[in-house]
Amino acid sequence: MSEEPDPEIDTPVSEIMTSPVRTVPAGTTIAEAAEILSSKGIGSLVIGEEIIDGIITEMDIVESVGQAMDPETTTVEELMSDPVVTIRPDESARAAGERMGHNGVKKLPVAEDGQAVGIITTTDLALYLPQLRINMTPQPEPDMAKGEYE
């Protein structure tokens, strides 16, 4: 049984992604990466200016601080996630969501011929796809005996 086409969820990633994506060379320090993330108001950087070598997120930087790594000498290459899970611009929003879920990631670089042409995040999908938003309608809670939980 195949799913019915849905124009929103079958929209190409290229129509939802943020482009251009910010890339940095592998030798960029954590301090430099943190400054870029902060000044640009973004949550991740793709490592590699020609071919995608990895990705680094705000959480990676926070974890490096927790591990007492020197942000002035530690490079993004030392912390980046690789290999990187990517998606092509012509793939659907549905495919992006499924790929994120299957791989436990929140950000997918959009790649064409190995180069980053954009990025799509769980936030992008949530904002674009209204049917995926949580619609909470007031529902009475069923009575439960003390000590019982659903």
N, C-alpha and C. Protein backbone atom coordinates (compact mmCIF):
# COMPACT_ATOMS: atom_id res chain seq x y z
N MET A 1 0.86 -1.18 0.00
CA MET A 1 0.00 0.00 0.00
C MET A 1 0.90 1.23 0.00
N SER A 2 0.82 2.02 -1.06
CA SER A 2 1.69 3.20 -1.15
C SER A 2 0.98 4.43 -0.58
N GLU A 3 1.81 5.35 -0.11
CA GLU A 3 1.26 6.58 0.47
C GLU A 3 0.83 7.51 -0.66
N GLU A 4 -0.25 8.26 -0.40
CA GLU A 4 -0.70 9.24 -1.39
C GLU A 4 0.29 10.38 -1.47
N PRO A 5 0.50 10.92 -2.67
CA PRO A 5 1.41 12.07 -2.79
C PRO A 5 0.88 13.25 -1.97
N ASP A 6 1.76 13.94 -1.34
CA ASP A 6 1.42 15.13 -0.55
C ASP A 6 2.35 16.23 -1.03
N PRO A 7 1.79 17.27 -1.65
CA PRO A 7 2.64 18.31 -2.23
C PRO A 7 3.63 18.93 -1.25
N GLU A 8 3.22 19.10 0.02
CA GLU A 8 4.13 19.73 0.98
C GLU A 8 5.27 18.81 1.37
N ILE A 9 4.93 17.58 1.73
CA ILE A 9 5.97 16.67 2.23
C ILE A 9 6.83 16.13 1.09
N ASP A 10 6.32 16.19 -0.14
CA ASP A 10 7.09 15.74 -1.29
C ASP A 10 7.83 16.90 -1.98
N THR A 11 7.80 18.08 -1.37
CA THR A 11 8.52 19.24 -1.89
C THR A 11 10.02 18.94 -1.90
N PRO A 12 10.72 19.34 -2.95
CA PRO A 12 12.18 19.12 -2.98
C PRO A 12 12.88 19.89 -1.86
N VAL A 13 13.90 19.28 -1.31
CA VAL A 13 14.72 19.90 -0.27
C VAL A 13 15.23 21.26 -0.72
N SER A 14 15.52 21.41 -2.01
CA SER A 14 16.07 22.67 -2.53
C SER A 14 15.15 23.86 -2.27
N GLU A 15 13.85 23.60 -2.09
CA GLU A 15 12.90 24.69 -1.84
C GLU A 15 12.79 25.04 -0.36
N ILE A 16 13.36 24.23 0.51
CA ILE A 16 13.24 24.45 1.96
C ILE A 16 14.59 24.78 2.59
N MET A 17 15.66 24.28 2.00
CA MET A 17 17.00 24.40 2.60
C MET A 17 17.46 25.84 2.74
N THR A 18 18.41 26.04 3.64
CA THR A 18 19.09 27.32 3.78
C THR A 18 20.31 27.27 2.86
N SER A 19 20.43 28.28 2.03
CA SER A 19 21.55 28.32 1.09
C SER A 19 21.97 29.77 0.90
N PRO A 20 23.25 30.05 0.82
CA PRO A 20 24.35 29.10 0.90
C PRO A 20 24.58 28.65 2.33
N VAL A 21 25.27 27.53 2.48
CA VAL A 21 25.63 26.99 3.79
C VAL A 21 27.01 27.52 4.14
N ARG A 22 27.23 27.77 5.41
CA ARG A 22 28.54 28.27 5.85
C ARG A 22 29.52 27.10 5.96
N THR A 23 30.64 27.20 5.26
CA THR A 23 31.68 26.18 5.31
C THR A 23 32.97 26.79 5.86
N VAL A 24 33.78 25.94 6.47
CA VAL A 24 35.09 26.37 6.98
C VAL A 24 36.11 25.28 6.68
N PRO A 25 37.38 25.66 6.58
CA PRO A 25 38.43 24.65 6.38
C PRO A 25 38.65 23.82 7.64
N ALA A 26 39.20 22.63 7.47
CA ALA A 26 39.42 21.70 8.58
C ALA A 26 40.33 22.27 9.66
N GLY A 27 41.20 23.20 9.32
CA GLY A 27 42.14 23.77 10.28
C GLY A 27 41.58 24.89 11.13
N THR A 28 40.31 25.24 10.95
CA THR A 28 39.67 26.29 11.74
C THR A 28 39.64 25.88 13.21
N THR A 29 40.00 26.80 14.09
CA THR A 29 39.98 26.47 15.52
C THR A 29 38.56 26.49 16.06
N ILE A 30 38.38 25.85 17.19
CA ILE A 30 37.07 25.84 17.86
C ILE A 30 36.67 27.27 18.23
N ALA A 31 37.63 28.08 18.66
CA ALA A 31 37.33 29.48 19.01
C ALA A 31 36.81 30.23 17.79
N GLU A 32 37.45 30.02 16.63
CA GLU A 32 36.99 30.68 15.40
C GLU A 32 35.61 30.17 15.00
N ALA A 33 35.40 28.87 15.12
CA ALA A 33 34.10 28.29 14.77
C ALA A 33 33.00 28.84 15.67
N ALA A 34 33.28 28.94 16.97
CA ALA A 34 32.29 29.48 17.91
C ALA A 34 31.94 30.92 17.57
N GLU A 35 32.93 31.70 17.18
CA GLU A 35 32.70 33.10 16.79
C GLU A 35 31.80 33.17 15.56
N ILE A 36 32.05 32.32 14.58
CA ILE A 36 31.23 32.30 13.36
C ILE A 36 29.79 31.91 13.70
N LEU A 37 29.62 30.84 14.48
CA LEU A 37 28.28 30.40 14.86
C LEU A 37 27.53 31.52 15.57
N SER A 38 28.21 32.18 16.49
CA SER A 38 27.59 33.25 17.27
C SER A 38 27.25 34.45 16.41
N SER A 39 28.20 34.90 15.61
CA SER A 39 27.98 36.12 14.81
C SER A 39 26.96 35.92 13.70
N LYS A 40 26.87 34.71 13.16
CA LYS A 40 25.93 34.43 12.07
C LYS A 40 24.59 33.90 12.57
N GLY A 41 24.51 33.58 13.87
CA GLY A 41 23.27 33.06 14.42
C GLY A 41 22.88 31.71 13.83
N ILE A 42 23.88 30.85 13.62
CA ILE A 42 23.63 29.53 13.04
C ILE A 42 24.07 28.45 14.03
N GLY A 43 23.65 27.22 13.78
CA GLY A 43 23.93 26.15 14.72
C GLY A 43 24.93 25.11 14.27
N SER A 44 25.43 25.26 13.03
CA SER A 44 26.39 24.27 12.54
C SER A 44 27.24 24.85 11.42
N LEU A 45 28.37 24.20 11.21
CA LEU A 45 29.27 24.56 10.11
C LEU A 45 29.65 23.29 9.37
N VAL A 46 29.67 23.37 8.06
CA VAL A 46 30.14 22.25 7.25
C VAL A 46 31.64 22.41 7.11
N ILE A 47 32.37 21.33 7.32
CA ILE A 47 33.82 21.36 7.23
C ILE A 47 34.22 20.90 5.84
N GLY A 48 35.05 21.71 5.18
CA GLY A 48 35.50 21.41 3.82
C GLY A 48 34.91 22.39 2.85
N GLU A 49 35.77 23.12 2.18
CA GLU A 49 35.26 24.16 1.28
C GLU A 49 35.02 23.66 -0.14
N GLU A 50 35.60 22.53 -0.49
CA GLU A 50 35.34 21.94 -1.81
C GLU A 50 34.43 20.72 -1.65
N ILE A 51 34.93 19.72 -0.96
CA ILE A 51 34.18 18.49 -0.70
C ILE A 51 33.83 18.47 0.79
N ILE A 52 32.66 17.95 1.13
CA ILE A 52 32.23 17.89 2.53
C ILE A 52 33.08 16.85 3.27
N ASP A 53 33.83 17.34 4.25
CA ASP A 53 34.66 16.45 5.08
C ASP A 53 33.97 16.08 6.38
N GLY A 54 33.11 16.97 6.89
CA GLY A 54 32.46 16.73 8.17
C GLY A 54 31.50 17.85 8.49
N ILE A 55 30.94 17.79 9.69
CA ILE A 55 30.04 18.84 10.17
C ILE A 55 30.31 19.01 11.66
N ILE A 56 30.19 20.23 12.14
CA ILE A 56 30.36 20.51 13.56
C ILE A 56 29.17 21.36 14.00
N THR A 57 28.66 21.07 15.19
CA THR A 57 27.50 21.77 15.71
C THR A 57 27.84 22.50 17.01
N GLU A 58 26.91 23.33 17.43
CA GLU A 58 27.07 24.03 18.72
C GLU A 58 27.32 23.02 19.84
N MET A 59 26.62 21.90 19.81
CA MET A 59 26.76 20.89 20.86
C MET A 59 28.17 20.32 20.87
N ASP A 60 28.77 20.13 19.70
CA ASP A 60 30.15 19.64 19.65
C ASP A 60 31.09 20.61 20.36
N ILE A 61 30.85 21.90 20.15
CA ILE A 61 31.70 22.92 20.77
C ILE A 61 31.49 22.94 22.28
N VAL A 62 30.24 22.84 22.72
CA VAL A 62 29.96 22.80 24.15
C VAL A 62 30.64 21.59 24.79
N GLU A 63 30.55 20.45 24.12
CA GLU A 63 31.18 19.24 24.65
C GLU A 63 32.70 19.39 24.73
N SER A 64 33.30 20.09 23.76
CA SER A 64 34.75 20.28 23.79
C SER A 64 35.16 21.12 25.00
N VAL A 65 34.34 22.09 25.35
CA VAL A 65 34.62 22.91 26.54
C VAL A 65 34.52 22.03 27.79
N GLY A 66 33.52 21.17 27.83
CA GLY A 66 33.34 20.26 28.95
C GLY A 66 34.49 19.28 29.11
N GLN A 67 35.18 19.00 28.01
CA GLN A 67 36.32 18.09 28.04
C GLN A 67 37.64 18.85 28.20
N ALA A 68 37.54 20.13 28.51
CA ALA A 68 38.71 21.00 28.76
C ALA A 68 39.67 21.07 27.57
N MET A 69 39.13 21.01 26.34
CA MET A 69 39.96 21.18 25.15
C MET A 69 40.25 22.66 24.98
N ASP A 70 41.43 22.99 24.52
CA ASP A 70 41.81 24.38 24.31
C ASP A 70 41.18 24.88 23.01
N PRO A 71 40.24 25.83 23.10
CA PRO A 71 39.56 26.31 21.89
C PRO A 71 40.48 27.06 20.93
N GLU A 72 41.61 27.51 21.42
CA GLU A 72 42.55 28.24 20.56
C GLU A 72 43.44 27.30 19.74
N THR A 73 43.57 26.05 20.18
CA THR A 73 44.45 25.12 19.45
C THR A 73 43.72 23.91 18.89
N THR A 74 42.54 23.59 19.43
CA THR A 74 41.77 22.45 18.93
C THR A 74 41.09 22.87 17.63
N THR A 75 41.18 22.03 16.60
CA THR A 75 40.57 22.36 15.32
C THR A 75 39.23 21.66 15.15
N VAL A 76 38.44 22.17 14.24
CA VAL A 76 37.14 21.57 13.96
C VAL A 76 37.31 20.15 13.42
N GLU A 77 38.41 19.89 12.76
CA GLU A 77 38.67 18.56 12.22
C GLU A 77 38.73 17.52 13.35
N GLU A 78 39.21 17.93 14.52
CA GLU A 78 39.32 17.02 15.65
C GLU A 78 37.96 16.68 16.27
N LEU A 79 36.98 17.55 16.06
CA LEU A 79 35.66 17.36 16.67
C LEU A 79 34.55 17.00 15.70
N MET A 80 34.79 17.22 14.42
CA MET A 80 33.71 17.08 13.44
C MET A 80 33.17 15.66 13.37
N SER A 81 31.91 15.57 13.01
CA SER A 81 31.28 14.28 12.75
C SER A 81 31.57 13.91 11.31
N ASP A 82 32.07 12.71 11.13
CA ASP A 82 32.27 12.20 9.78
C ASP A 82 32.21 10.68 9.82
N PRO A 83 31.75 10.02 8.80
CA PRO A 83 31.23 10.62 7.58
C PRO A 83 29.92 11.35 7.85
N VAL A 84 29.59 12.25 6.96
CA VAL A 84 28.41 13.09 7.13
C VAL A 84 27.24 12.49 6.36
N VAL A 85 26.09 12.47 7.01
CA VAL A 85 24.86 12.06 6.34
C VAL A 85 24.38 13.27 5.56
N THR A 86 24.18 13.11 4.26
CA THR A 86 23.77 14.23 3.40
C THR A 86 22.48 13.86 2.66
N ILE A 87 21.99 14.84 1.93
CA ILE A 87 20.82 14.64 1.08
C ILE A 87 21.02 15.47 -0.18
N ARG A 88 20.43 15.04 -1.28
CA ARG A 88 20.53 15.79 -2.54
C ARG A 88 19.41 16.83 -2.62
N PRO A 89 19.62 17.92 -3.35
CA PRO A 89 18.61 18.97 -3.43
C PRO A 89 17.29 18.51 -4.05
N ASP A 90 17.33 17.47 -4.90
CA ASP A 90 16.11 17.02 -5.56
C ASP A 90 15.33 15.99 -4.74
N GLU A 91 15.88 15.57 -3.60
CA GLU A 91 15.14 14.64 -2.74
C GLU A 91 14.05 15.39 -1.98
N SER A 92 13.08 14.65 -1.47
CA SER A 92 11.90 15.27 -0.85
C SER A 92 12.11 15.61 0.62
N ALA A 93 11.24 16.49 1.10
CA ALA A 93 11.21 16.83 2.53
C ALA A 93 10.95 15.56 3.34
N ARG A 94 10.11 14.68 2.82
CA ARG A 94 9.83 13.40 3.48
C ARG A 94 11.13 12.60 3.64
N ALA A 95 11.92 12.53 2.57
CA ALA A 95 13.19 11.79 2.62
C ALA A 95 14.14 12.42 3.63
N ALA A 96 14.15 13.75 3.71
CA ALA A 96 15.02 14.44 4.67
C ALA A 96 14.63 14.07 6.09
N GLY A 97 13.34 14.11 6.39
CA GLY A 97 12.87 13.77 7.73
C GLY A 97 13.18 12.32 8.09
N GLU A 98 12.96 11.42 7.14
CA GLU A 98 13.25 10.01 7.39
C GLU A 98 14.75 9.79 7.60
N ARG A 99 15.57 10.44 6.80
CA ARG A 99 17.02 10.27 6.93
C ARG A 99 17.50 10.79 8.27
N MET A 100 16.97 11.95 8.69
CA MET A 100 17.35 12.50 10.00
C MET A 100 16.98 11.52 11.11
N GLY A 101 15.76 11.00 11.04
CA GLY A 101 15.28 10.08 12.07
C GLY A 101 16.08 8.79 12.12
N HIS A 102 16.36 8.21 10.96
CA HIS A 102 17.10 6.95 10.90
C HIS A 102 18.54 7.10 11.38
N ASN A 103 19.10 8.28 11.21
CA ASN A 103 20.52 8.49 11.55
C ASN A 103 20.73 9.28 12.84
N GLY A 104 19.63 9.69 13.48
CA GLY A 104 19.75 10.42 14.75
C GLY A 104 20.44 11.76 14.62
N VAL A 105 20.19 12.46 13.51
CA VAL A 105 20.79 13.78 13.30
C VAL A 105 19.69 14.82 13.13
N LYS A 106 20.04 16.08 13.40
CA LYS A 106 19.07 17.17 13.28
C LYS A 106 19.38 18.09 12.12
N LYS A 107 20.53 17.87 11.48
CA LYS A 107 20.95 18.74 10.38
C LYS A 107 21.51 17.88 9.26
N LEU A 108 21.09 18.16 8.03
CA LEU A 108 21.62 17.45 6.87
C LEU A 108 22.21 18.46 5.90
N PRO A 109 23.51 18.38 5.62
CA PRO A 109 24.03 19.19 4.53
C PRO A 109 23.40 18.70 3.22
N VAL A 110 23.07 19.64 2.37
CA VAL A 110 22.52 19.31 1.06
C VAL A 110 23.70 19.32 0.11
N ALA A 111 23.94 18.18 -0.54
CA ALA A 111 25.14 18.02 -1.35
C ALA A 111 24.82 17.76 -2.81
N GLU A 112 25.63 18.37 -3.65
CA GLU A 112 25.56 18.15 -5.09
C GLU A 112 27.00 17.96 -5.57
N ASP A 113 27.28 16.81 -6.15
CA ASP A 113 28.63 16.47 -6.59
C ASP A 113 29.64 16.59 -5.45
N GLY A 114 29.24 16.20 -4.23
CA GLY A 114 30.13 16.21 -3.08
C GLY A 114 30.31 17.56 -2.42
N GLN A 115 29.73 18.61 -3.02
CA GLN A 115 29.85 19.96 -2.46
C GLN A 115 28.58 20.35 -1.72
N ALA A 116 28.75 21.08 -0.62
CA ALA A 116 27.60 21.56 0.14
C ALA A 116 26.96 22.74 -0.59
N VAL A 117 25.68 22.60 -0.91
CA VAL A 117 24.96 23.69 -1.57
C VAL A 117 23.89 24.29 -0.65
N GLY A 118 23.71 23.67 0.52
CA GLY A 118 22.73 24.15 1.47
C GLY A 118 22.72 23.25 2.69
N ILE A 119 21.78 23.53 3.58
CA ILE A 119 21.59 22.68 4.76
C ILE A 119 20.11 22.71 5.11
N ILE A 120 19.62 21.58 5.60
CA ILE A 120 18.23 21.49 6.04
C ILE A 120 18.23 20.91 7.45
N THR A 121 17.39 21.47 8.31
CA THR A 121 17.36 21.07 9.71
C THR A 121 15.96 20.61 10.12
N THR A 122 15.88 20.01 11.29
CA THR A 122 14.57 19.61 11.81
C THR A 122 13.69 20.84 12.00
N THR A 123 14.29 21.95 12.36
CA THR A 123 13.52 23.20 12.52
C THR A 123 12.94 23.63 11.19
N ASP A 124 13.74 23.56 10.11
CA ASP A 124 13.24 23.91 8.78
C ASP A 124 12.03 23.06 8.43
N LEU A 125 12.13 21.76 8.69
CA LEU A 125 11.02 20.87 8.37
C LEU A 125 9.79 21.19 9.21
N ALA A 126 9.98 21.44 10.49
CA ALA A 126 8.85 21.74 11.37
C ALA A 126 8.15 23.03 10.96
N LEU A 127 8.92 24.02 10.54
CA LEU A 127 8.32 25.29 10.12
C LEU A 127 7.64 25.18 8.77
N TYR A 128 8.18 24.35 7.89
CA TYR A 128 7.63 24.24 6.54
C TYR A 128 6.42 23.30 6.48
N LEU A 129 6.43 22.27 7.27
CA LEU A 129 5.40 21.25 7.17
C LEU A 129 4.40 21.36 8.32
N PRO A 130 3.34 22.14 8.14
CA PRO A 130 2.41 22.37 9.25
C PRO A 130 1.76 21.10 9.77
N GLN A 131 1.59 20.09 8.93
CA GLN A 131 0.94 18.87 9.42
C GLN A 131 1.83 18.10 10.38
N LEU A 132 3.12 18.45 10.45
CA LEU A 132 4.00 17.78 11.40
C LEU A 132 4.06 18.51 12.74
N ARG A 133 3.48 19.70 12.79
CA ARG A 133 3.44 20.44 14.05
C ARG A 133 2.49 19.76 15.02
N ILE A 134 2.76 19.90 16.27
CA ILE A 134 1.90 19.28 17.27
C ILE A 134 0.67 20.17 17.46
N ASN A 135 -0.47 19.61 17.16
CA ASN A 135 -1.73 20.32 17.36
C ASN A 135 -2.37 19.75 18.61
N MET A 136 -2.38 20.54 19.64
CA MET A 136 -2.93 20.07 20.90
C MET A 136 -4.33 20.64 21.07
N THR A 137 -5.29 19.75 21.14
CA THR A 137 -6.66 20.17 21.40
C THR A 137 -7.00 19.74 22.81
N PRO A 138 -7.77 20.57 23.50
CA PRO A 138 -8.12 20.20 24.87
C PRO A 138 -8.89 18.88 24.89
N GLN A 139 -8.36 17.91 25.58
CA GLN A 139 -9.01 16.60 25.74
C GLN A 139 -9.07 16.30 27.23
N PRO A 140 -10.21 15.88 27.71
CA PRO A 140 -10.26 15.52 29.13
C PRO A 140 -9.38 14.30 29.38
N GLU A 141 -8.66 14.34 30.48
CA GLU A 141 -7.82 13.21 30.89
C GLU A 141 -8.71 12.14 31.49
N PRO A 142 -8.47 10.88 31.15
CA PRO A 142 -9.26 9.82 31.79
C PRO A 142 -8.85 9.70 33.26
N ASP A 143 -9.83 9.35 34.08
CA ASP A 143 -9.51 9.14 35.50
C ASP A 143 -8.63 7.91 35.63
N MET A 144 -7.59 8.04 36.46
CA MET A 144 -6.69 6.91 36.70
C MET A 144 -6.61 6.67 38.19
N ALA A 145 -6.49 5.41 38.53
CA ALA A 145 -6.31 5.07 39.94
C ALA A 145 -4.95 5.57 40.39
N LYS A 146 -4.87 5.94 41.65
CA LYS A 146 -3.62 6.44 42.21
C LYS A 146 -2.50 5.43 41.97
N GLY A 147 -1.36 5.92 41.47
CA GLY A 147 -0.22 5.05 41.24
C GLY A 147 -0.19 4.41 39.86
N GLU A 148 -1.21 4.65 39.04
CA GLU A 148 -1.21 4.11 37.68
C GLU A 148 -0.81 5.21 36.71
N TYR A 149 -0.05 4.82 35.71
CA TYR A 149 0.42 5.78 34.71
C TYR A 149 0.29 5.17 33.33
N GLU A 150 0.02 6.01 32.37
CA GLU A 150 -0.05 5.53 30.98
C GLU A 150 1.33 5.40 30.42
